[in-house]
Amino acid sequence: MAEPTRLRILALCAHAELSVSELVTILGQSQPRVSRHLKLMVEAGVLERNREGARAFYRPAERGALAEMVQALVPLVPAEDQATVDDLDRLDRIREERAERASLYFEANAARWEELRGLYVDDEVVDARLLAALQEEPGGDLLDIGTGTGRVLEMAADHVRSAVGVDNARQMLEIARANLDKAGVRHCQVRLADMYRLPFPAERFDAVTINMVLHYAEAPGAVLAEAARVLKPGGRLIVVDFAPHELVELRDEHEHRWLGFEETEMARIATHAGLSLEPTVSVEGEPLTVCLWQARRAPAARIAAAS
């Protein structure tokens, strides 16, 4: 890590997840040279690499033998050094470009989203219920499935140790990254991932949220089973979605696979996933009602006794 370029890369990635092309632009070095540095830093356990199709994003390692050392190294990069100042100026321009791309995509789809949001209670009311649920057990590691714009990550940032949002739409991840950058949130990250095959080991998270996503799933039970797999013993799954309704246009025009969920059906798929469903919280709307379901994985002692 004594190599100056690697220190610059580490400092930059501590400020924001960055791709190879973004680092090439900031550092003013060739793509092969930057890629070589990144390869060595990943192999050494200094950086983590997360792929999104043909692209990859890099950030300081948060797990592994060198994670603590890496976190201690970042503040040692001299902030007043001219190279650092110039790097951060160029990083700001990268962030501005991200925000502009996200804004253009959001504007292009805003009318469709506003039409859907107008059918149920205000987002802020639903968000407040979700945040209250997260605040009941703060300080853990959170996974948000179908993170979209990263709204849940921003909302939960002050109440979690770390958070990861996953989505299968690259454009939505660009919006989420831009939003997290703007909010100055460093301990939350986003990943391209399939909700049926999450790229995480078992028992990785204290809480998992699925916010207004399950109605798109072909197999909701499989989604809950995969969420349960990555939950720690005693961890919680929080699902926010519609109560049963008859607005078939949501299926025909908005790609909804399910017209809401019955309490009995949610209890059935939660139980099948090894989760215990807790009392439902409903937020009445017209014509759509939104429900918040919490389900908990059994504590370690109970799992051991059952095995």
Foldseek 3Di string as FASTA:
>chain_A
DPPVLLLLVQLLLLLAWDKLVLSCQLLVDDSVVSVVSVVVCVVVQQWDWADDVVIITIHGHCDDDCRVVNVVSNVVPDCPPPSNVSSVVSVVVVLVVLQVLLVVVCVVCVVVVVVVCVQWDHPVVVLVVVLVVAQVDFAWEEEEEQCQLVVNCLSCLVGYPAYEYEHQDVSSQSNNRSVCSVSSRRRYHYHYDDLLDDPDAFQATQEYEYEANLQLDPDSLSSLLSVNRNHHAFHKYKYKHWAADDPCVCCVPVVGNGRHDDPVRVCVSQVVSQWHKDDKDWDDTVPIIMIIIMITHHHPVVVVVVD
